[in-house]
Amino acid sequence: MRLKDKVAIVTGAASGIGREIALAYAREGAKVAIADLNQAAADKTASEITAKGGVALGVVMDVTNEAQVDAGVEATAKALGGIDILVSNAGIQIVKPVVEFPYAEWKKLISIHLDGAFLTTRACLKHMYKQGRGGSVIYMGSVHSKEGSPLKAPYVSAKHGLIGLCKVVAKEGAEHGVRANVICPGFVRTPLVEKQIPELAAENKMSEEDVVKKIMLKETVDGEFTTTEDVAEAAVFFAGFPSNALTGQSLVVSHGWFIQ
């Protein structure tokens, strides 16, 4: 078990990529806080883990709410015995051209991705530093942390911003043994991506099948979606790495969509 007795908080963990990471961490021996807006769904995922002999709890958390983030992290540390791993995964997607993008929607997306990453990082670092046993902060970026796409101005901006935040946390956290890294998936067929398919079809005046083939998977080497399991394996790798040798880095998991 690569993460035996580590305590992990995963945001947006009641579904999609976050859920898969939480389940993978539990299989690797971690105690996992399922942090999500949906308390019932968070509790359900936690129950699934505990039914298999793992340790988990559901934590209601709006990552843009400072008080709720701080309270959720404190409750997790108290219940599970500290904080060793943060996976900042919560996110949304809104697809529109820049000239039509409402400022309120821009602010909402930026807040969830960037403010949420900052607030959860700050709260977790306080515990990691105090504990003196190191830690791992993992941000859920995207191929859009590396390049742009039409109709996704705030998303691309936020995902680029996570790499900047990661670099700072890697520098500041090093003396405490805290590492920070970014996972950059390609398109993963989660509810968030499923929602984009008809939106992109409408914006580009093409069929949904063509959106998948000609936009989403066009640049991959094999025309395949990245899976939640692929991303979870990368998250286990980052969380379990034993030293500061791997920090401040971004790892693209995209079937070759982006090759550096």
C-alpha atoms as a PDB file:
ATOM      1  CA  MET A   1       0.000   0.000   0.000  1.00  0.00           C
ATOM      2  CA  ARG A   2       1.724   3.137  -1.256  1.00  0.00           C
ATOM      3  CA  LEU A   3      -0.293   5.535   0.926  1.00  0.00           C
ATOM      4  CA  LYS A   4      -0.775   3.501   4.090  1.00  0.00           C
ATOM      5  CA  ASP A   5      -2.135   5.636   6.952  1.00  0.00           C
ATOM      6  CA  LYS A   6      -1.812   8.908   5.015  1.00  0.00           C
ATOM      7  CA  VAL A   7      -4.715  11.352   5.368  1.00  0.00           C
ATOM      8  CA  ALA A   8      -6.013  12.801   2.110  1.00  0.00           C
ATOM      9  CA  ILE A   9      -8.586  15.464   1.281  1.00  0.00           C
ATOM     10  CA  VAL A  10      -9.980  15.274  -2.249  1.00  0.00           C
ATOM     11  CA  THR A  11     -12.271  18.101  -3.364  1.00  0.00           C
ATOM     12  CA  GLY A  12     -15.061  17.458  -5.834  1.00  0.00           C
ATOM     13  CA  ALA A  13     -14.719  13.818  -4.811  1.00  0.00           C
ATOM     14  CA  ALA A  14     -18.332  12.668  -4.997  1.00  0.00           C
ATOM     15  CA  SER A  15     -18.165  12.050  -8.753  1.00  0.00           C
ATOM     16  CA  GLY A  16     -15.909  11.821 -11.782  1.00  0.00           C
ATOM     17  CA  ILE A  17     -12.150  12.143 -11.466  1.00  0.00           C
ATOM     18  CA  GLY A  18     -12.258  13.122  -7.792  1.00  0.00           C
ATOM     19  CA  ARG A  19     -14.255  10.054  -6.863  1.00  0.00           C
ATOM     20  CA  GLU A  20     -11.874   7.762  -8.741  1.00  0.00           C
ATOM     21  CA  ILE A  21      -8.891   9.332  -6.972  1.00  0.00           C
ATOM     22  CA  ALA A  22     -10.561   8.918  -3.581  1.00  0.00           C
ATOM     23  CA  LEU A  23     -11.256   5.242  -4.273  1.00  0.00           C
ATOM     24  CA  ALA A  24      -7.686   4.689  -5.491  1.00  0.00           C
ATOM     25  CA  TYR A  25      -6.245   6.378  -2.410  1.00  0.00           C
ATOM     26  CA  ALA A  26      -8.386   4.207  -0.152  1.00  0.00           C
ATOM     27  CA  ARG A  27      -7.153   1.063  -1.927  1.00  0.00           C
ATOM     28  CA  GLU A  28      -3.614   2.257  -1.311  1.00  0.00           C
ATOM     29  CA  GLY A  29      -4.272   2.559   2.428  1.00  0.00           C
ATOM     30  CA  ALA A  30      -5.076   6.259   2.822  1.00  0.00           C
ATOM     31  CA  LYS A  31      -7.771   7.697   5.043  1.00  0.00           C
ATOM     32  CA  VAL A  32      -9.842   9.883   2.734  1.00  0.00           C
ATOM     33  CA  ALA A  33     -12.069  12.923   3.223  1.00  0.00           C
ATOM     34  CA  ILE A  34     -14.613  13.148   0.409  1.00  0.00           C
ATOM     35  CA  ALA A  35     -15.081  16.922   0.140  1.00  0.00           C
ATOM     36  CA  ASP A  36     -17.951  18.004  -2.074  1.00  0.00           C
ATOM     37  CA  LEU A  37     -20.849  20.438  -2.360  1.00  0.00           C
ATOM     38  CA  ASN A  38     -23.224  17.469  -2.348  1.00  0.00           C
ATOM     39  CA  GLN A  39     -23.218  16.092   1.189  1.00  0.00           C
ATOM     40  CA  ALA A  40     -25.344  13.067   0.331  1.00  0.00           C
ATOM     41  CA  ALA A  41     -23.116  12.083  -2.580  1.00  0.00           C
ATOM     42  CA  ALA A  42     -19.985  12.626  -0.470  1.00  0.00           C
ATOM     43  CA  ASP A  43     -21.387  10.417   2.277  1.00  0.00           C
ATOM     44  CA  LYS A  44     -22.297   7.748  -0.277  1.00  0.00           C
ATOM     45  CA  THR A  45     -18.739   7.591  -1.632  1.00  0.00           C
ATOM     46  CA  ALA A  46     -17.342   7.532   1.906  1.00  0.00           C
ATOM     47  CA  SER A  47     -19.701   4.674   2.787  1.00  0.00           C
ATOM     48  CA  GLU A  48     -18.536   2.753  -0.260  1.00  0.00           C
ATOM     49  CA  ILE A  49     -14.968   3.002   1.012  1.00  0.00           C
ATOM     50  CA  THR A  50     -15.769   2.076   4.589  1.00  0.00           C
ATOM     51  CA  ALA A  51     -17.852  -0.906   3.422  1.00  0.00           C
ATOM     52  CA  LYS A  52     -14.655  -2.306   1.917  1.00  0.00           C
ATOM     53  CA  GLY A  53     -12.722  -1.851   5.141  1.00  0.00           C
ATOM     54  CA  GLY A  54     -11.273   1.589   4.413  1.00  0.00           C
ATOM     55  CA  VAL A  55     -11.466   4.805   6.405  1.00  0.00           C
ATOM     56  CA  ALA A  56     -13.345   7.749   4.934  1.00  0.00           C
ATOM     57  CA  LEU A  57     -15.755  10.528   5.769  1.00  0.00           C
ATOM     58  CA  GLY A  58     -17.921  12.887   3.767  1.00  0.00           C
ATOM     59  CA  VAL A  59     -17.277  16.604   4.209  1.00  0.00           C
ATOM     60  CA  VAL A  60     -19.584  19.247   2.775  1.00  0.00           C
ATOM     61  CA  MET A  61     -17.386  21.904   1.209  1.00  0.00           C
ATOM     62  CA  ASP A  62     -17.897  24.850  -1.104  1.00  0.00           C
ATOM     63  CA  VAL A  63     -14.284  25.527  -2.045  1.00  0.00           C
ATOM     64  CA  THR A  64     -15.046  29.221  -2.655  1.00  0.00           C
ATOM     65  CA  ASN A  65     -16.289  29.673   0.927  1.00  0.00           C
ATOM     66  CA  GLU A  66     -13.337  30.503   3.188  1.00  0.00           C
ATOM     67  CA  ALA A  67     -15.072  29.615   6.434  1.00  0.00           C
ATOM     68  CA  GLN A  68     -16.418  26.338   5.056  1.00  0.00           C
ATOM     69  CA  VAL A  69     -13.022  25.319   3.692  1.00  0.00           C
ATOM     70  CA  ASP A  70     -11.259  26.068   6.958  1.00  0.00           C
ATOM     71  CA  ALA A  71     -13.931  24.237   8.960  1.00  0.00           C
ATOM     72  CA  GLY A  72     -13.864  21.216   6.658  1.00  0.00           C
ATOM     73  CA  VAL A  73     -10.099  20.906   6.803  1.00  0.00           C
ATOM     74  CA  GLU A  74     -10.105  21.275  10.590  1.00  0.00           C
ATOM     75  CA  ALA A  75     -12.810  18.627  10.935  1.00  0.00           C
ATOM     76  CA  THR A  76     -10.875  16.247   8.685  1.00  0.00           C
ATOM     77  CA  ALA A  77      -7.620  16.742  10.597  1.00  0.00           C
ATOM     78  CA  LYS A  78      -9.370  16.148  13.898  1.00  0.00           C
ATOM     79  CA  ALA A  79     -11.277  13.060  12.735  1.00  0.00           C
ATOM     80  CA  LEU A  80      -8.545  11.368  10.723  1.00  0.00           C
ATOM     81  CA  GLY A  81      -5.341  12.511  12.429  1.00  0.00           C
ATOM     82  CA  GLY A  82      -3.875  15.359  10.396  1.00  0.00           C
ATOM     83  CA  ILE A  83      -3.510  16.176   6.711  1.00  0.00           C
ATOM     84  CA  ASP A  84      -0.908  14.599   4.416  1.00  0.00           C
ATOM     85  CA  ILE A  85      -2.371  14.978   0.920  1.00  0.00           C
ATOM     86  CA  LEU A  86      -4.582  17.563  -0.756  1.00  0.00           C
ATOM     87  CA  VAL A  87      -6.058  16.974  -4.192  1.00  0.00           C
ATOM     88  CA  SER A  88      -7.583  20.242  -5.396  1.00  0.00           C
ATOM     89  CA  ASN A  89      -9.946  18.806  -7.972  1.00  0.00           C
ATOM     90  CA  ALA A  90     -13.257  20.693  -7.727  1.00  0.00           C
ATOM     91  CA  GLY A  91     -14.150  22.451 -10.955  1.00  0.00           C
ATOM     92  CA  ILE A  92     -16.786  23.414 -13.485  1.00  0.00           C
ATOM     93  CA  GLN A  93     -16.843  24.277 -17.183  1.00  0.00           C
ATOM     94  CA  ILE A  94     -18.691  27.051 -19.041  1.00  0.00           C
ATOM     95  CA  VAL A  95     -18.328  27.283 -22.818  1.00  0.00           C
ATOM     96  CA  LYS A  96     -18.869  30.612 -24.640  1.00  0.00           C
ATOM     97  CA  PRO A  97     -16.944  32.991 -26.895  1.00  0.00           C
ATOM     98  CA  VAL A  98     -15.076  35.771 -25.079  1.00  0.00           C
ATOM     99  CA  VAL A  99     -17.329  38.450 -26.573  1.00  0.00           C
ATOM    100  CA  GLU A 100     -20.408  36.731 -25.125  1.00  0.00           C
ATOM    101  CA  PHE A 101     -18.986  35.645 -21.777  1.00  0.00           C
ATOM    102  CA  PRO A 102     -20.892  37.173 -18.828  1.00  0.00           C
ATOM    103  CA  TYR A 103     -18.533  38.593 -16.222  1.00  0.00           C
ATOM    104  CA  ALA A 104     -20.462  36.827 -13.448  1.00  0.00           C
ATOM    105  CA  GLU A 105     -19.808  33.456 -15.092  1.00  0.00           C
ATOM    106  CA  TRP A 106     -16.128  34.327 -15.602  1.00  0.00           C
ATOM    107  CA  LYS A 107     -15.819  35.146 -11.888  1.00  0.00           C
ATOM    108  CA  LYS A 108     -17.677  31.990 -10.862  1.00  0.00           C
ATOM    109  CA  LEU A 109     -15.398  29.678 -12.829  1.00  0.00           C
ATOM    110  CA  ILE A 110     -12.191  31.457 -11.794  1.00  0.00           C
ATOM    111  CA  SER A 111     -13.298  31.398  -8.159  1.00  0.00           C
ATOM    112  CA  ILE A 112     -14.003  27.668  -8.084  1.00  0.00           C
ATOM    113  CA  HIS A 113     -10.760  26.703  -9.808  1.00  0.00           C
ATOM    114  CA  LEU A 114      -8.290  29.269  -8.448  1.00  0.00           C
ATOM    115  CA  ASP A 115      -9.775  30.675  -5.252  1.00  0.00           C
ATOM    116  CA  GLY A 116     -10.741  27.136  -4.281  1.00  0.00           C
ATOM    117  CA  ALA A 117      -7.212  25.890  -4.894  1.00  0.00           C
ATOM    118  CA  PHE A 118      -5.764  28.744  -2.843  1.00  0.00           C
ATOM    119  CA  LEU A 119      -8.163  28.372   0.084  1.00  0.00           C
ATOM    120  CA  THR A 120      -7.790  24.606   0.382  1.00  0.00           C
ATOM    121  CA  THR A 121      -4.022  24.829  -0.046  1.00  0.00           C
ATOM    122  CA  ARG A 122      -3.647  27.451   2.653  1.00  0.00           C
ATOM    123  CA  ALA A 123      -5.798  25.505   5.108  1.00  0.00           C
ATOM    124  CA  CYS A 124      -3.996  22.209   4.471  1.00  0.00           C
ATOM    125  CA  LEU A 125      -0.473  23.678   4.499  1.00  0.00           C
ATOM    126  CA  LYS A 126      -1.001  24.933   8.035  1.00  0.00           C
ATOM    127  CA  HIS A 127      -1.478  21.347   9.171  1.00  0.00           C
ATOM    128  CA  MET A 128       1.290  19.922   6.998  1.00  0.00           C
ATOM    129  CA  TYR A 129       3.815  22.438   8.298  1.00  0.00           C
ATOM    130  CA  LYS A 130       2.779  21.966  11.918  1.00  0.00           C
ATOM    131  CA  GLN A 131       2.841  18.165  11.732  1.00  0.00           C
ATOM    132  CA  GLY A 132       6.415  18.019  10.473  1.00  0.00           C
ATOM    133  CA  ARG A 133       5.841  14.897   8.371  1.00  0.00           C
ATOM    134  CA  GLY A 134       5.793  16.503   4.936  1.00  0.00           C
ATOM    135  CA  GLY A 135       2.939  16.341   2.496  1.00  0.00           C
ATOM    136  CA  SER A 136       1.744  16.449  -1.089  1.00  0.00           C
ATOM    137  CA  VAL A 137      -0.433  19.078  -2.751  1.00  0.00           C
ATOM    138  CA  ILE A 138      -1.859  18.013  -6.113  1.00  0.00           C
ATOM    139  CA  TYR A 139      -3.759  20.355  -8.428  1.00  0.00           C
ATOM    140  CA  MET A 140      -6.082  19.109 -11.132  1.00  0.00           C
ATOM    141  CA  GLY A 141      -4.972  21.047 -14.163  1.00  0.00           C
ATOM    142  CA  SER A 142      -5.672  20.137 -17.774  1.00  0.00           C
ATOM    143  CA  VAL A 143      -4.054  20.047 -21.165  1.00  0.00           C
ATOM    144  CA  HIS A 144      -5.510  23.560 -21.081  1.00  0.00           C
ATOM    145  CA  SER A 145      -2.847  24.361 -18.481  1.00  0.00           C
ATOM    146  CA  LYS A 146      -0.480  24.163 -21.455  1.00  0.00           C
ATOM    147  CA  GLU A 147      -2.411  25.490 -24.423  1.00  0.00           C
ATOM    148  CA  GLY A 148      -5.617  27.253 -25.384  1.00  0.00           C
ATOM    149  CA  SER A 149      -8.881  26.297 -27.036  1.00  0.00           C
ATOM    150  CA  PRO A 150     -11.696  28.475 -28.371  1.00  0.00           C
ATOM    151  CA  LEU A 151     -14.714  29.159 -26.132  1.00  0.00           C
ATOM    152  CA  LYS A 152     -12.898  28.404 -22.865  1.00  0.00           C
ATOM    153  CA  ALA A 153     -11.272  31.673 -21.798  1.00  0.00           C
ATOM    154  CA  PRO A 154     -11.777  31.457 -17.997  1.00  0.00           C
ATOM    155  CA  TYR A 155     -11.114  27.715 -17.866  1.00  0.00           C
ATOM    156  CA  VAL A 156      -7.835  28.021 -19.779  1.00  0.00           C
ATOM    157  CA  SER A 157      -6.838  31.033 -17.681  1.00  0.00           C
ATOM    158  CA  ALA A 158      -7.599  29.216 -14.432  1.00  0.00           C
ATOM    159  CA  LYS A 159      -5.798  26.036 -15.464  1.00  0.00           C
ATOM    160  CA  HIS A 160      -2.720  28.050 -16.449  1.00  0.00           C
ATOM    161  CA  GLY A 161      -2.966  29.803 -13.083  1.00  0.00           C
ATOM    162  CA  LEU A 162      -2.806  26.509 -11.197  1.00  0.00           C
ATOM    163  CA  ILE A 163       0.658  25.868 -12.600  1.00  0.00           C
ATOM    164  CA  GLY A 164       1.807  29.230 -11.228  1.00  0.00           C
ATOM    165  CA  LEU A 165       0.327  28.488  -7.814  1.00  0.00           C
ATOM    166  CA  CYS A 166       1.936  25.058  -7.836  1.00  0.00           C
ATOM    167  CA  LYS A 167       5.388  26.524  -8.498  1.00  0.00           C
ATOM    168  CA  VAL A 168       5.072  28.904  -5.555  1.00  0.00           C
ATOM    169  CA  VAL A 169       3.832  26.193  -3.180  1.00  0.00           C
ATOM    170  CA  ALA A 170       6.672  23.912  -4.298  1.00  0.00           C
ATOM    171  CA  LYS A 171       9.223  26.621  -3.422  1.00  0.00           C
ATOM    172  CA  GLU A 172       7.621  27.575  -0.107  1.00  0.00           C
ATOM    173  CA  GLY A 173       6.812  24.037   0.980  1.00  0.00           C
ATOM    174  CA  ALA A 174      10.196  22.478   0.289  1.00  0.00           C
ATOM    175  CA  GLU A 175      11.720  23.244   3.686  1.00  0.00           C
ATOM    176  CA  HIS A 176       8.739  21.483   5.284  1.00  0.00           C
ATOM    177  CA  GLY A 177       8.945  18.452   2.996  1.00  0.00           C
ATOM    178  CA  VAL A 178       5.749  19.484   1.200  1.00  0.00           C
ATOM    179  CA  ARG A 179       5.644  18.857  -2.548  1.00  0.00           C
ATOM    180  CA  ALA A 180       3.267  20.426  -5.076  1.00  0.00           C
ATOM    181  CA  ASN A 181       2.485  19.106  -8.547  1.00  0.00           C
ATOM    182  CA  VAL A 182      -0.174  19.392 -11.247  1.00  0.00           C
ATOM    183  CA  ILE A 183      -1.940  16.633 -13.180  1.00  0.00           C
ATOM    184  CA  CYS A 184      -2.988  17.766 -16.664  1.00  0.00           C
ATOM    185  CA  PRO A 185      -5.543  15.351 -18.145  1.00  0.00           C
ATOM    186  CA  GLY A 186      -6.864  15.382 -21.660  1.00  0.00           C
ATOM    187  CA  PHE A 187     -10.593  14.919 -22.198  1.00  0.00           C
ATOM    188  CA  VAL A 188     -12.026  12.488 -19.645  1.00  0.00           C
ATOM    189  CA  ARG A 189     -15.607  11.352 -20.258  1.00  0.00           C
ATOM    190  CA  THR A 190     -17.016  12.685 -16.980  1.00  0.00           C
ATOM    191  CA  PRO A 191     -20.351  14.491 -16.525  1.00  0.00           C
ATOM    192  CA  LEU A 192     -18.470  17.774 -16.962  1.00  0.00           C
ATOM    193  CA  VAL A 193     -17.191  16.691 -20.396  1.00  0.00           C
ATOM    194  CA  GLU A 194     -20.517  15.094 -21.391  1.00  0.00           C
ATOM    195  CA  LYS A 195     -22.139  18.490 -20.779  1.00  0.00           C
ATOM    196  CA  GLN A 196     -19.640  20.162 -23.130  1.00  0.00           C
ATOM    197  CA  ILE A 197     -20.368  17.926 -26.127  1.00  0.00           C
ATOM    198  CA  PRO A 198     -23.793  19.383 -27.052  1.00  0.00           C
ATOM    199  CA  GLU A 199     -22.603  22.890 -26.095  1.00  0.00           C
ATOM    200  CA  LEU A 200     -19.623  22.665 -28.440  1.00  0.00           C
ATOM    201  CA  ALA A 201     -21.803  21.110 -31.132  1.00  0.00           C
ATOM    202  CA  ALA A 202     -24.147  24.086 -30.963  1.00  0.00           C
ATOM    203  CA  GLU A 203     -21.350  26.682 -30.882  1.00  0.00           C
ATOM    204  CA  ASN A 204     -19.465  25.048 -33.778  1.00  0.00           C
ATOM    205  CA  LYS A 205     -22.556  24.032 -35.768  1.00  0.00           C
ATOM    206  CA  MET A 206     -21.480  20.402 -36.044  1.00  0.00           C
ATOM    207  CA  SER A 207     -22.731  17.021 -34.843  1.00  0.00           C
ATOM    208  CA  GLU A 208     -21.896  15.709 -31.400  1.00  0.00           C
ATOM    209  CA  GLU A 209     -20.008  12.826 -33.018  1.00  0.00           C
ATOM    210  CA  ASP A 210     -17.850  15.321 -34.911  1.00  0.00           C
ATOM    211  CA  VAL A 211     -17.209  17.283 -31.707  1.00  0.00           C
ATOM    212  CA  VAL A 212     -15.729  14.134 -30.161  1.00  0.00           C
ATOM    213  CA  LYS A 213     -13.684  13.141 -33.217  1.00  0.00           C
ATOM    214  CA  LYS A 214     -12.698  16.516 -34.673  1.00  0.00           C
ATOM    215  CA  ILE A 215     -12.320  18.649 -31.537  1.00  0.00           C
ATOM    216  CA  MET A 216     -11.919  16.621 -28.369  1.00  0.00           C
ATOM    217  CA  LEU A 217      -9.831  13.697 -29.604  1.00  0.00           C
ATOM    218  CA  LYS A 218      -8.383  15.118 -32.815  1.00  0.00           C
ATOM    219  CA  GLU A 219      -4.861  15.603 -31.445  1.00  0.00           C
ATOM    220  CA  THR A 220      -4.573  12.317 -29.512  1.00  0.00           C
ATOM    221  CA  VAL A 221      -2.382   9.522 -30.848  1.00  0.00           C
ATOM    222  CA  ASP A 222      -5.151   6.925 -30.769  1.00  0.00           C
ATOM    223  CA  GLY A 223      -8.512   8.728 -30.735  1.00  0.00           C
ATOM    224  CA  GLU A 224      -9.197   7.624 -27.166  1.00  0.00           C
ATOM    225  CA  PHE A 225     -10.525   9.456 -24.121  1.00  0.00           C
ATOM    226  CA  THR A 226      -8.319   9.582 -21.046  1.00  0.00           C
ATOM    227  CA  THR A 227      -9.993   7.579 -18.256  1.00  0.00           C
ATOM    228  CA  THR A 228     -10.625   8.456 -14.640  1.00  0.00           C
ATOM    229  CA  GLU A 229      -8.462   5.454 -13.752  1.00  0.00           C
ATOM    230  CA  ASP A 230      -5.569   6.926 -15.764  1.00  0.00           C
ATOM    231  CA  VAL A 231      -5.783  10.176 -13.821  1.00  0.00           C
ATOM    232  CA  ALA A 232      -6.153   8.407 -10.471  1.00  0.00           C
ATOM    233  CA  GLU A 233      -2.976   6.428 -11.113  1.00  0.00           C
ATOM    234  CA  ALA A 234      -1.089   9.683 -11.703  1.00  0.00           C
ATOM    235  CA  ALA A 235      -2.537  11.059  -8.458  1.00  0.00           C
ATOM    236  CA  VAL A 236      -1.317   8.008  -6.532  1.00  0.00           C
ATOM    237  CA  PHE A 237       2.128   8.411  -8.089  1.00  0.00           C
ATOM    238  CA  PHE A 238       2.431  12.059  -7.052  1.00  0.00           C
ATOM    239  CA  ALA A 239       1.030  11.456  -3.560  1.00  0.00           C
ATOM    240  CA  GLY A 240       3.324   8.519  -2.881  1.00  0.00           C
ATOM    241  CA  PHE A 241       6.577   9.983  -4.225  1.00  0.00           C
ATOM    242  CA  PRO A 242       9.115   9.856  -1.384  1.00  0.00           C
ATOM    243  CA  SER A 243      11.149  13.055  -1.764  1.00  0.00           C
ATOM    244  CA  ASN A 244      11.368  16.666  -2.949  1.00  0.00           C
ATOM    245  CA  ALA A 245      12.968  15.423  -6.170  1.00  0.00           C
ATOM    246  CA  LEU A 246       9.525  15.560  -7.788  1.00  0.00           C
ATOM    247  CA  THR A 247       7.951  18.917  -7.011  1.00  0.00           C
ATOM    248  CA  GLY A 248       6.774  21.946  -8.945  1.00  0.00           C
ATOM    249  CA  GLN A 249       6.028  19.769 -11.968  1.00  0.00           C
ATOM    250  CA  SER A 250       3.083  19.161 -14.274  1.00  0.00           C
ATOM    251  CA  LEU A 251       2.295  15.770 -15.777  1.00  0.00           C
ATOM    252  CA  VAL A 252       0.153  15.533 -18.907  1.00  0.00           C
ATOM    253  CA  VAL A 253      -2.106  12.466 -19.105  1.00  0.00           C
ATOM    254  CA  SER A 254      -3.784  12.857 -22.478  1.00  0.00           C
ATOM    255  CA  HIS A 255      -3.115  10.037 -24.953  1.00  0.00           C
ATOM    256  CA  GLY A 256      -0.490  12.232 -26.566  1.00  0.00           C
ATOM    257  CA  TRP A 257      -2.791  15.206 -27.191  1.00  0.00           C
ATOM    258  CA  PHE A 258      -0.087  17.487 -25.807  1.00  0.00           C
ATOM    259  CA  ILE A 259       3.514  16.311 -26.186  1.00  0.00           C
ATOM    260  CA  GLN A 260       6.181  18.591 -24.765  1.00  0.00           C
END
